[in-house]
Amino acid sequence: MKGPLQLPPELLSRIVDLVAIGETLETNRDDEPFNQDCNNKYNIDNEPPASGLSYQHSMLAITPRPDVTTLRNLRLASRGFAQMCTTRLFGCIRLLPTEESSFSYNQILSEPVLSNQVRKVVFQTRMVPGGSTSFWSRQEPGPGDDYSRPHPFFLDALQQVGRFSNLTHVEMVFGSQCIAPDSSNETTERVRFREGVLSALYAGLNHCEHPAMEVFNLSIKNLQDRTPHALINNNEDEDEAVRDIKFRKNFAQVMSRITHLSLQVATEDEESAPETTLDLPESHNFFGYELRKYWVAPIAENLVYFKLYACDMLFGTFPACNLPKLPELRTLILGNLSMCNEDHIDWILSHAATLEELILDDAVVAVGTVLYAEVADEASRRIIYSSLTIEDGRPLYQPKLDHALPKRRSLWLTRWHHIFGRLQRSLPKLKHFAMGHGNWDEHKAFDEAEILQNVLTDARYQYLDRGTGPDN
């Protein structure tokens, strides 16, 4: 019998793949076995987007890091294993907001053998992105850690990202908590901080000396529901106007190359008065107008993969979500979507000619609502929005109000069996469908969306109580 090192290269590669995956496929968070078919979803495939569903389910797209310790040990077994393990170890690297992490990042860049292996870079602005009390780790924390400006070494790393010659995936991870521009909170990333990081990211991806021309997969996790001002309107200050023009240029050129776009949107939360959270204008502006105008519509013709999540609120019904048709779309993943009429189903079905994969994570049907001053069309089951206006250079897209209206209750008749029937009849190319509840408690739902298991939860029907926000 041959020893393991004499096995065919295909089997050795498969062994390394399974080692790299580690325990991620053995159990889900409820300790239930995954479907055996999931094993086939982790084949590393760096071909262009036309390679099909196997690409979208690749380990590179789903898991940010492999089982590093085991791969390091296996790397010592033989020269063949060393080469294969190096590919898995350095296929995806993560930059944390520490000088030590930045030093390791630059070391990889300086070694062509290692930097050539890098296909994906994850930039993480906080040590614990999902934690509201997390902070940047530094050897000597100082008073400058107020999230008003990112650290220079972090910005420098963003500028160098295009030097990874084989880079195809980039992911930016902000903190999940966000605040208004005028907030005095010093433990949460401010608007200026986030805009500065985004500007540096797009400048690095479009660097004049080493642009990341092969990057087609862009993921932004915890993007604040406030599009950077530079992308919306010119600045009156001359110096800032020049920076804004550069930002817009870099943004447009990078996005024109993107075919796989993943966005998880963070929204401000009024912790002291949760019932007023839905009164904040930003989420309505973003989902109702900015998302379409500045993020999706300009690249709608290119997108074959689109993932959209909201961190802490249901979008679709209230705030409304308006998206353009994506004529080449093959994979659609939505997290925290709420539906109350045919609009959202019609939009999904408008992609029948191309759509092969549909995943709905914590999607709900709003069976009824309690409205206060908002105006609704009872027949079409739509909350009416006012015409677009401009305030301080920013577009406002807000629900139409009539304070003379008494509190009203409306019942909506849409049910999931109606939706399932329409999907079955009208999506002839659909190969994969999943609907369930992702790993929201551990802030992993967005990352693990592609391996969502089918589960019908009680929360798939909810009642929108305008006084307290969406509730069961």
Protein backbone atom coordinates (compact mmCIF):
# COMPACT_ATOMS: atom_id res chain seq x y z
CA MET A 1 0.00 0.00 0.00
CA LYS A 2 1.30 3.45 -0.91
CA GLY A 3 1.98 5.95 1.83
CA PRO A 4 -0.02 9.17 1.96
CA LEU A 5 2.78 11.14 0.32
CA GLN A 6 2.59 8.88 -2.75
CA LEU A 7 -1.10 9.59 -3.36
CA PRO A 8 -2.07 11.34 -6.61
CA PRO A 9 -1.81 15.16 -6.49
CA GLU A 10 -5.61 15.48 -6.80
CA LEU A 11 -6.11 13.54 -3.55
CA LEU A 12 -3.34 15.40 -1.76
CA SER A 13 -4.94 18.69 -2.79
CA ARG A 14 -8.28 17.45 -1.49
CA ILE A 15 -6.68 16.54 1.85
CA VAL A 16 -5.24 20.04 2.14
CA ASP A 17 -8.65 21.55 1.31
CA LEU A 18 -10.30 19.56 4.11
CA VAL A 19 -7.54 20.54 6.55
CA ALA A 20 -7.95 24.20 5.59
CA ILE A 21 -11.69 24.05 6.22
CA GLY A 22 -11.08 22.65 9.70
CA GLU A 23 -14.23 22.34 11.77
CA THR A 24 -16.32 24.81 9.79
CA LEU A 25 -18.21 22.07 7.96
CA GLU A 26 -18.52 19.59 10.82
CA THR A 27 -21.25 21.31 12.79
CA ASN A 28 -23.33 24.43 12.63
CA ARG A 29 -23.96 26.62 15.65
CA ASP A 30 -26.74 24.25 16.84
CA ASP A 31 -24.39 21.24 16.62
CA GLU A 32 -26.42 19.77 13.79
CA PRO A 33 -24.56 18.17 10.87
CA PHE A 34 -24.35 20.12 7.66
CA ASN A 35 -25.73 18.59 4.51
CA GLN A 36 -23.04 16.49 2.88
CA ASP A 37 -23.41 18.47 -0.31
CA CYS A 38 -21.79 21.43 1.46
CA ASN A 39 -18.41 19.74 1.03
CA ASN A 40 -18.59 20.50 -2.66
CA LYS A 41 -19.14 24.20 -2.01
CA TYR A 42 -15.64 24.85 -0.72
CA ASN A 43 -13.58 24.10 -3.81
CA ILE A 44 -11.09 26.90 -4.26
CA ASP A 45 -11.66 28.34 -7.71
CA ASN A 46 -10.21 31.63 -8.79
CA GLU A 47 -11.56 31.62 -12.31
CA PRO A 48 -13.47 34.66 -13.62
CA PRO A 49 -17.11 35.18 -12.60
CA ALA A 50 -18.40 33.08 -15.49
CA SER A 51 -17.25 29.90 -13.73
CA GLY A 52 -20.67 29.37 -12.16
CA LEU A 53 -22.08 28.60 -8.73
CA SER A 54 -19.02 26.62 -7.65
CA TYR A 55 -17.12 29.91 -7.59
CA GLN A 56 -19.65 31.72 -5.44
CA HIS A 57 -19.56 28.88 -2.90
CA SER A 58 -15.76 28.80 -2.76
CA MET A 59 -13.91 28.75 0.53
CA LEU A 60 -12.21 31.99 -0.50
CA ALA A 61 -15.55 33.78 -0.74
CA ILE A 62 -17.05 32.34 2.46
CA THR A 63 -14.42 31.78 5.13
CA PRO A 64 -12.01 34.66 5.78
CA ARG A 65 -9.27 32.44 7.23
CA PRO A 66 -8.42 28.72 7.08
CA ASP A 67 -7.30 26.47 9.95
CA VAL A 68 -3.88 28.13 10.24
CA THR A 69 -2.34 25.95 12.95
CA THR A 70 -3.08 22.63 11.26
CA LEU A 71 -1.97 23.91 7.86
CA ARG A 72 1.33 25.06 9.32
CA ASN A 73 1.94 21.60 10.74
CA LEU A 74 0.95 19.83 7.51
CA ARG A 75 3.23 22.18 5.61
CA LEU A 76 6.23 20.41 7.21
CA ALA A 77 5.26 16.95 5.95
CA SER A 78 6.73 17.25 2.46
CA ARG A 79 7.70 19.73 -0.24
CA GLY A 80 4.45 19.04 -2.10
CA PHE A 81 2.36 19.68 1.00
CA ALA A 82 4.42 22.81 1.72
CA GLN A 83 3.49 24.35 -1.62
CA MET A 84 -0.20 23.46 -1.38
CA CYS A 85 -0.47 24.62 2.24
CA THR A 86 1.27 27.90 1.41
CA THR A 87 -1.42 28.57 -1.18
CA ARG A 88 -4.16 28.02 1.43
CA LEU A 89 -2.37 29.85 4.24
CA PHE A 90 -1.74 33.03 2.26
CA GLY A 91 -4.74 32.88 -0.09
CA CYS A 92 -6.57 35.17 2.34
CA ILE A 93 -4.90 37.56 4.78
CA ARG A 94 -6.43 39.90 7.35
CA LEU A 95 -5.14 43.30 8.45
CA LEU A 96 -6.10 44.20 12.01
CA PRO A 97 -5.82 47.75 13.40
CA THR A 98 -2.50 47.09 15.14
CA GLU A 99 1.07 47.96 14.25
CA GLU A 100 2.05 44.29 14.65
CA SER A 101 -0.53 43.26 12.05
CA SER A 102 0.63 46.02 9.73
CA PHE A 103 4.23 44.78 10.06
CA SER A 104 3.18 41.23 9.08
CA TYR A 105 1.17 42.64 6.15
CA ASN A 106 4.23 44.48 4.84
CA GLN A 107 6.41 41.40 5.31
CA ILE A 108 4.09 39.39 3.07
CA LEU A 109 4.17 42.17 0.48
CA SER A 110 7.96 42.12 0.49
CA GLU A 111 8.15 38.38 -0.26
CA PRO A 112 7.03 37.71 -3.88
CA VAL A 113 6.59 33.98 -3.19
CA LEU A 114 4.04 34.83 -0.48
CA SER A 115 2.42 37.95 -1.95
CA ASN A 116 1.71 36.12 -5.20
CA GLN A 117 -0.45 33.64 -3.24
CA VAL A 118 -2.75 36.33 -1.87
CA ARG A 119 -6.18 36.34 -3.50
CA LYS A 120 -8.18 38.08 -0.78
CA VAL A 121 -7.43 40.80 1.78
CA VAL A 122 -9.72 41.60 4.71
CA PHE A 123 -9.24 45.05 6.27
CA GLN A 124 -10.73 45.21 9.76
CA THR A 125 -10.95 48.61 11.47
CA ARG A 126 -11.77 47.19 14.92
CA MET A 127 -10.48 44.22 16.84
CA VAL A 128 -14.06 43.14 17.59
CA PRO A 129 -16.28 44.65 14.85
CA GLY A 130 -19.52 43.40 16.39
CA GLY A 131 -18.82 44.66 19.89
CA SER A 132 -20.18 48.01 20.97
CA THR A 133 -17.45 48.42 23.63
CA SER A 134 -14.51 47.24 21.55
CA PHE A 135 -11.51 49.46 20.91
CA TRP A 136 -8.35 49.57 18.81
CA SER A 137 -5.44 47.62 20.25
CA ARG A 138 -2.21 49.58 20.55
CA GLN A 139 0.86 49.04 22.68
CA GLU A 140 0.38 52.47 24.22
CA PRO A 141 -3.27 53.56 23.94
CA GLY A 142 -3.48 57.31 23.70
CA PRO A 143 -6.08 60.09 23.68
CA GLY A 144 -6.11 60.01 19.88
CA ASP A 145 -8.10 56.77 19.85
CA ASP A 146 -11.41 58.53 19.30
CA TYR A 147 -12.23 57.16 15.84
CA SER A 148 -12.07 60.61 14.29
CA ARG A 149 -9.09 59.59 12.13
CA PRO A 150 -7.67 56.17 11.22
CA HIS A 151 -4.08 55.29 12.09
CA PRO A 152 -1.41 56.17 9.47
CA PHE A 153 -0.13 52.59 9.25
CA PHE A 154 -3.65 51.40 8.42
CA LEU A 155 -4.04 53.98 5.65
CA ASP A 156 -0.61 53.08 4.28
CA ALA A 157 -1.64 49.41 4.08
CA LEU A 158 -4.75 50.40 2.12
CA GLN A 159 -2.57 52.33 -0.32
CA GLN A 160 -0.40 49.25 -0.92
CA VAL A 161 -3.23 46.77 -1.60
CA GLY A 162 -2.74 46.88 -5.37
CA ARG A 163 0.75 45.43 -5.00
CA PHE A 164 -0.78 41.98 -4.49
CA SER A 165 -0.55 41.03 -8.15
CA ASN A 166 -3.08 38.17 -8.03
CA LEU A 167 -5.64 39.85 -5.78
CA THR A 168 -9.29 39.22 -6.73
CA HIS A 169 -11.26 39.74 -3.46
CA VAL A 170 -11.25 42.69 -1.05
CA GLU A 171 -13.34 43.02 2.09
CA MET A 172 -13.61 46.06 4.36
CA VAL A 173 -15.01 45.45 7.85
CA PHE A 174 -16.11 48.44 9.95
CA GLY A 175 -17.55 48.38 13.45
CA SER A 176 -21.22 47.42 13.63
CA GLN A 177 -22.11 50.46 15.74
CA CYS A 178 -22.51 53.79 13.94
CA ILE A 179 -23.37 57.31 15.06
CA ALA A 180 -24.58 60.60 13.59
CA PRO A 181 -21.97 63.14 12.42
CA ASP A 182 -22.66 65.46 15.38
CA SER A 183 -22.42 62.74 18.04
CA SER A 184 -19.86 63.13 20.86
CA ASN A 185 -19.43 59.36 21.29
CA GLU A 186 -15.68 58.69 21.27
CA THR A 187 -15.82 54.87 21.32
CA THR A 188 -17.59 54.45 17.98
CA GLU A 189 -16.29 55.08 14.47
CA ARG A 190 -17.39 58.50 13.33
CA VAL A 191 -18.67 59.43 9.88
CA ARG A 192 -15.44 61.24 9.05
CA PHE A 193 -13.42 58.20 10.11
CA ARG A 194 -15.43 55.84 7.89
CA GLU A 195 -15.30 58.17 4.91
CA GLY A 196 -11.54 58.54 5.30
CA VAL A 197 -11.05 54.77 5.32
CA LEU A 198 -13.30 54.29 2.28
CA SER A 199 -11.49 57.04 0.39
CA ALA A 200 -8.12 55.42 1.15
CA LEU A 201 -9.42 51.97 0.16
CA TYR A 202 -10.62 53.13 -3.26
CA ALA A 203 -7.43 55.16 -3.76
CA GLY A 204 -5.37 52.04 -3.08
CA LEU A 205 -7.45 49.88 -5.40
CA ASN A 206 -7.05 52.48 -8.13
CA HIS A 207 -3.43 53.48 -7.39
CA CYS A 208 -1.72 55.06 -10.39
CA GLU A 209 1.38 52.84 -10.06
CA HIS A 210 -0.19 49.54 -8.96
CA PRO A 211 -3.98 49.48 -9.43
CA ALA A 212 -5.79 46.31 -8.37
CA MET A 213 -7.14 45.65 -11.85
CA GLU A 214 -8.11 42.01 -11.16
CA VAL A 215 -10.33 42.72 -8.15
CA PHE A 216 -13.89 41.91 -9.12
CA ASN A 217 -15.27 40.87 -5.72
CA LEU A 218 -15.85 43.69 -3.21
CA SER A 219 -17.42 43.27 0.21
CA ILE A 220 -18.11 46.08 2.69
CA LYS A 221 -19.33 44.93 6.07
CA ASN A 222 -21.09 47.42 8.37
CA LEU A 223 -21.22 50.18 5.77
CA GLN A 224 -22.96 53.09 7.49
CA ASP A 225 -26.29 54.07 5.97
CA ARG A 226 -24.85 57.41 4.94
CA THR A 227 -23.16 57.64 1.55
CA PRO A 228 -19.92 59.68 1.72
CA HIS A 229 -20.57 63.32 0.93
CA ALA A 230 -17.83 63.27 -1.71
CA LEU A 231 -19.92 60.88 -3.84
CA ILE A 232 -23.02 63.07 -3.62
CA ASN A 233 -22.09 66.72 -3.88
CA ASN A 234 -19.13 69.03 -4.47
CA ASN A 235 -17.49 70.61 -1.45
CA GLU A 236 -17.25 74.39 -1.28
CA ASP A 237 -13.79 74.26 0.32
CA GLU A 238 -11.21 74.18 -2.51
CA ASP A 239 -8.82 71.68 -0.90
CA GLU A 240 -11.62 69.36 0.14
CA ALA A 241 -13.18 69.69 -3.32
CA VAL A 242 -9.97 68.33 -4.89
CA ARG A 243 -10.02 65.36 -2.50
CA ASP A 244 -13.69 64.74 -3.25
CA ILE A 245 -13.03 64.69 -7.00
CA LYS A 246 -10.26 62.12 -6.50
CA PHE A 247 -12.54 60.02 -4.31
CA ARG A 248 -15.33 60.08 -6.91
CA LYS A 249 -12.92 59.18 -9.70
CA ASN A 250 -11.36 56.28 -7.80
CA PHE A 251 -14.78 55.06 -6.65
CA ALA A 252 -16.21 55.10 -10.19
CA GLN A 253 -13.23 53.32 -11.77
CA VAL A 254 -13.00 50.62 -9.10
CA MET A 255 -16.73 49.95 -9.06
CA SER A 256 -16.78 49.64 -12.85
CA ARG A 257 -14.66 46.50 -12.44
CA ILE A 258 -16.85 44.90 -9.75
CA THR A 259 -19.08 41.97 -10.68
CA HIS A 260 -19.57 40.55 -7.16
CA LEU A 261 -20.81 43.10 -4.61
CA SER A 262 -21.64 42.34 -0.95
CA LEU A 263 -22.94 45.05 1.40
CA GLN A 264 -23.97 44.79 5.03
CA VAL A 265 -25.53 48.09 6.10
CA ALA A 266 -25.20 49.40 9.66
CA THR A 267 -27.87 51.76 10.96
CA GLU A 268 -27.89 54.08 13.94
CA ASP A 269 -29.86 52.82 16.92
CA GLU A 270 -31.65 55.04 19.43
CA GLU A 271 -30.96 52.88 22.47
CA SER A 272 -32.64 55.25 24.91
CA ALA A 273 -35.81 55.48 22.79
CA PRO A 274 -36.05 52.47 20.41
CA GLU A 275 -39.45 53.58 19.16
CA THR A 276 -37.82 56.60 17.50
CA THR A 277 -35.19 54.61 15.56
CA LEU A 278 -37.40 54.42 12.49
CA ASP A 279 -37.77 58.21 12.60
CA LEU A 280 -34.08 58.67 11.84
CA PRO A 281 -33.86 59.89 8.23
CA GLU A 282 -30.61 58.11 7.25
CA SER A 283 -31.98 54.58 6.82
CA HIS A 284 -34.87 55.84 4.64
CA ASN A 285 -32.50 57.95 2.54
CA PHE A 286 -30.06 55.09 2.08
CA PHE A 287 -32.31 52.13 1.34
CA GLY A 288 -34.89 54.19 -0.54
CA TYR A 289 -32.55 56.28 -2.70
CA GLU A 290 -28.79 56.33 -2.06
CA LEU A 291 -28.24 52.57 -2.35
CA ARG A 292 -29.71 52.56 -5.82
CA LYS A 293 -28.35 55.89 -7.04
CA TYR A 294 -24.72 55.71 -5.92
CA TRP A 295 -23.91 52.05 -5.19
CA VAL A 296 -25.90 49.73 -7.44
CA ALA A 297 -27.33 51.49 -10.49
CA PRO A 298 -23.93 52.61 -11.90
CA ILE A 299 -22.74 48.98 -12.05
CA ALA A 300 -26.08 47.23 -12.52
CA GLU A 301 -25.08 45.94 -15.96
CA ASN A 302 -21.99 44.20 -14.53
CA LEU A 303 -23.29 42.50 -11.38
CA VAL A 304 -23.64 38.73 -11.45
CA TYR A 305 -23.57 38.39 -7.64
CA PHE A 306 -25.31 40.71 -5.17
CA LYS A 307 -25.58 40.28 -1.40
CA LEU A 308 -27.41 42.86 0.71
CA TYR A 309 -27.83 42.67 4.49
CA ALA A 310 -29.00 45.11 7.14
CA CYS A 311 -27.36 44.73 10.56
CA ASP A 312 -30.11 45.64 12.99
CA MET A 313 -33.33 46.47 11.18
CA LEU A 314 -35.71 45.02 8.63
CA PHE A 315 -35.63 46.85 5.31
CA GLY A 316 -37.97 46.63 2.35
CA THR A 317 -41.29 47.64 3.90
CA PHE A 318 -40.19 50.42 6.26
CA PRO A 319 -37.70 51.77 5.39
CA ALA A 320 -38.58 51.09 1.79
CA CYS A 321 -35.90 49.66 -0.49
CA ASN A 322 -35.76 50.51 -4.19
CA LEU A 323 -33.25 48.67 -6.37
CA PRO A 324 -32.66 48.62 -10.13
CA LYS A 325 -32.87 45.50 -12.27
CA LEU A 326 -29.56 43.65 -12.59
CA PRO A 327 -29.69 42.09 -16.07
CA GLU A 328 -26.78 39.65 -15.56
CA LEU A 329 -27.59 38.66 -11.97
CA ARG A 330 -27.07 34.99 -11.16
CA THR A 331 -26.82 34.99 -7.34
CA LEU A 332 -29.01 37.08 -5.03
CA ILE A 333 -28.66 36.98 -1.22
CA LEU A 334 -30.80 39.15 1.04
CA GLY A 335 -30.61 39.40 4.84
CA ASN A 336 -33.30 41.04 7.01
CA LEU A 337 -35.68 41.71 4.12
CA SER A 338 -39.33 42.46 4.94
CA MET A 339 -42.10 42.20 2.34
CA CYS A 340 -45.69 43.35 2.41
CA ASN A 341 -46.73 43.46 -1.24
CA GLU A 342 -45.78 42.27 -4.70
CA ASP A 343 -43.05 44.85 -5.31
CA HIS A 344 -40.14 42.89 -3.89
CA ILE A 345 -41.27 39.60 -5.41
CA ASP A 346 -41.71 41.28 -8.79
CA TRP A 347 -38.18 42.67 -8.51
CA ILE A 348 -36.74 39.22 -7.78
CA LEU A 349 -38.72 37.67 -10.63
CA SER A 350 -37.49 40.36 -13.03
CA HIS A 351 -34.19 38.42 -13.01
CA ALA A 352 -35.78 35.16 -14.18
CA ALA A 353 -33.68 35.06 -17.35
CA THR A 354 -30.43 34.77 -15.39
CA LEU A 355 -31.03 34.02 -11.67
CA GLU A 356 -29.60 30.66 -10.57
CA GLU A 357 -29.30 31.11 -6.81
CA LEU A 358 -31.58 32.82 -4.27
CA ILE A 359 -30.88 32.94 -0.52
CA LEU A 360 -33.19 34.67 1.97
CA ASP A 361 -31.80 35.08 5.48
CA ASP A 362 -34.36 36.10 8.10
CA ALA A 363 -36.77 37.31 5.43
CA VAL A 364 -40.22 38.13 6.81
CA VAL A 365 -43.68 38.84 5.51
CA ALA A 366 -45.22 41.80 7.28
CA VAL A 367 -48.78 40.61 7.79
CA GLY A 368 -49.93 43.89 9.28
CA THR A 369 -48.90 47.31 10.50
CA VAL A 370 -49.70 50.01 13.00
CA LEU A 371 -49.20 53.44 11.41
CA TYR A 372 -49.28 56.82 13.05
CA ALA A 373 -48.66 59.83 10.82
CA GLU A 374 -47.36 57.83 7.84
CA VAL A 375 -49.53 57.75 4.75
CA ALA A 376 -50.19 54.35 3.15
CA ASP A 377 -52.01 53.10 0.08
CA GLU A 378 -54.30 50.45 1.53
CA ALA A 379 -55.09 48.83 -1.81
CA SER A 380 -51.50 48.29 -2.90
CA ARG A 381 -50.17 47.82 0.67
CA ARG A 382 -47.45 50.44 0.25
CA ILE A 383 -46.22 53.17 2.56
CA ILE A 384 -46.10 56.36 0.50
CA TYR A 385 -42.90 58.39 0.31
CA SER A 386 -42.67 62.09 -0.47
CA SER A 387 -40.87 63.43 -3.51
CA LEU A 388 -37.09 63.66 -3.26
CA THR A 389 -35.81 66.88 -1.75
CA ILE A 390 -32.32 68.26 -1.08
CA GLU A 391 -31.20 69.48 2.33
CA ASP A 392 -27.63 70.64 3.08
CA GLY A 393 -26.52 69.12 -0.21
CA ARG A 394 -27.86 65.65 0.62
CA PRO A 395 -30.94 63.97 -0.92
CA LEU A 396 -33.84 63.31 1.43
CA TYR A 397 -36.24 60.44 0.75
CA GLN A 398 -38.72 60.29 3.61
CA PRO A 399 -42.17 58.78 4.26
CA LYS A 400 -45.09 61.07 3.60
CA LEU A 401 -46.70 62.25 6.83
CA ASP A 402 -50.17 63.45 7.76
CA HIS A 403 -50.36 64.22 11.47
CA ALA A 404 -54.14 64.63 11.24
CA LEU A 405 -54.47 60.88 10.69
CA PRO A 406 -55.43 58.82 13.75
CA LYS A 407 -53.52 55.65 14.58
CA ARG A 408 -54.56 52.99 12.07
CA ARG A 409 -54.17 49.24 11.76
CA SER A 410 -53.77 47.62 8.37
CA LEU A 411 -53.79 43.90 7.53
CA TRP A 412 -51.80 42.51 4.61
CA LEU A 413 -52.74 39.22 3.00
CA THR A 414 -49.45 38.12 1.43
CA ARG A 415 -48.25 34.70 2.70
CA TRP A 416 -45.15 32.62 2.07
CA HIS A 417 -47.02 29.91 0.17
CA HIS A 418 -48.03 32.57 -2.36
CA ILE A 419 -44.39 33.63 -2.69
CA PHE A 420 -43.01 30.09 -2.98
CA GLY A 421 -45.48 29.32 -5.75
CA ARG A 422 -44.45 32.35 -7.74
CA LEU A 423 -40.75 31.58 -7.32
CA GLN A 424 -41.27 27.99 -8.44
CA ARG A 425 -43.23 28.93 -11.53
CA SER A 426 -41.28 31.99 -12.61
CA LEU A 427 -37.58 31.24 -12.02
CA PRO A 428 -36.77 28.52 -14.59
CA LYS A 429 -32.98 28.74 -14.14
CA LEU A 430 -32.97 28.57 -10.34
CA LYS A 431 -30.59 25.83 -9.13
CA HIS A 432 -30.25 26.66 -5.44
CA PHE A 433 -32.74 28.17 -2.99
CA ALA A 434 -32.33 28.63 0.75
CA MET A 435 -34.44 30.35 3.37
CA GLY A 436 -33.62 30.29 7.06
CA HIS A 437 -32.12 32.01 10.08
CA GLY A 438 -28.41 32.82 9.93
CA ASN A 439 -25.87 33.08 12.71
CA TRP A 440 -26.88 36.58 13.75
CA ASP A 441 -26.10 36.12 17.46
CA GLU A 442 -22.39 35.67 16.74
CA HIS A 443 -22.34 38.36 14.02
CA LYS A 444 -21.59 35.73 11.35
CA ALA A 445 -24.81 35.72 9.33
CA PHE A 446 -23.35 37.90 6.58
CA ASP A 447 -20.15 35.85 6.34
CA GLU A 448 -21.92 32.48 6.31
CA ALA A 449 -24.83 33.40 4.05
CA GLU A 450 -23.76 31.03 1.26
CA ILE A 451 -24.14 27.98 3.53
CA LEU A 452 -27.50 28.96 5.04
CA GLN A 453 -29.64 25.95 5.92
CA ASN A 454 -33.35 25.75 5.04
CA VAL A 455 -35.46 26.30 8.16
CA LEU A 456 -38.97 27.71 8.47
CA THR A 457 -38.97 29.85 11.60
CA ASP A 458 -41.94 31.34 13.43
CA ALA A 459 -40.46 34.80 12.82
CA ARG A 460 -41.10 34.51 9.06
CA TYR A 461 -44.36 36.39 9.77
CA GLN A 462 -44.15 39.64 11.69
CA TYR A 463 -46.31 42.62 12.53
CA LEU A 464 -44.86 46.08 11.93
CA ASP A 465 -45.77 48.13 14.97
CA ARG A 466 -44.72 51.66 14.13
CA GLY A 467 -44.44 52.53 17.80
CA THR A 468 -41.71 50.03 18.69
CA GLY A 469 -40.35 48.99 15.30
CA PRO A 470 -40.73 45.50 13.75
CA ASP A 471 -41.88 42.93 16.31
CA ASN A 472 -43.30 39.39 16.36
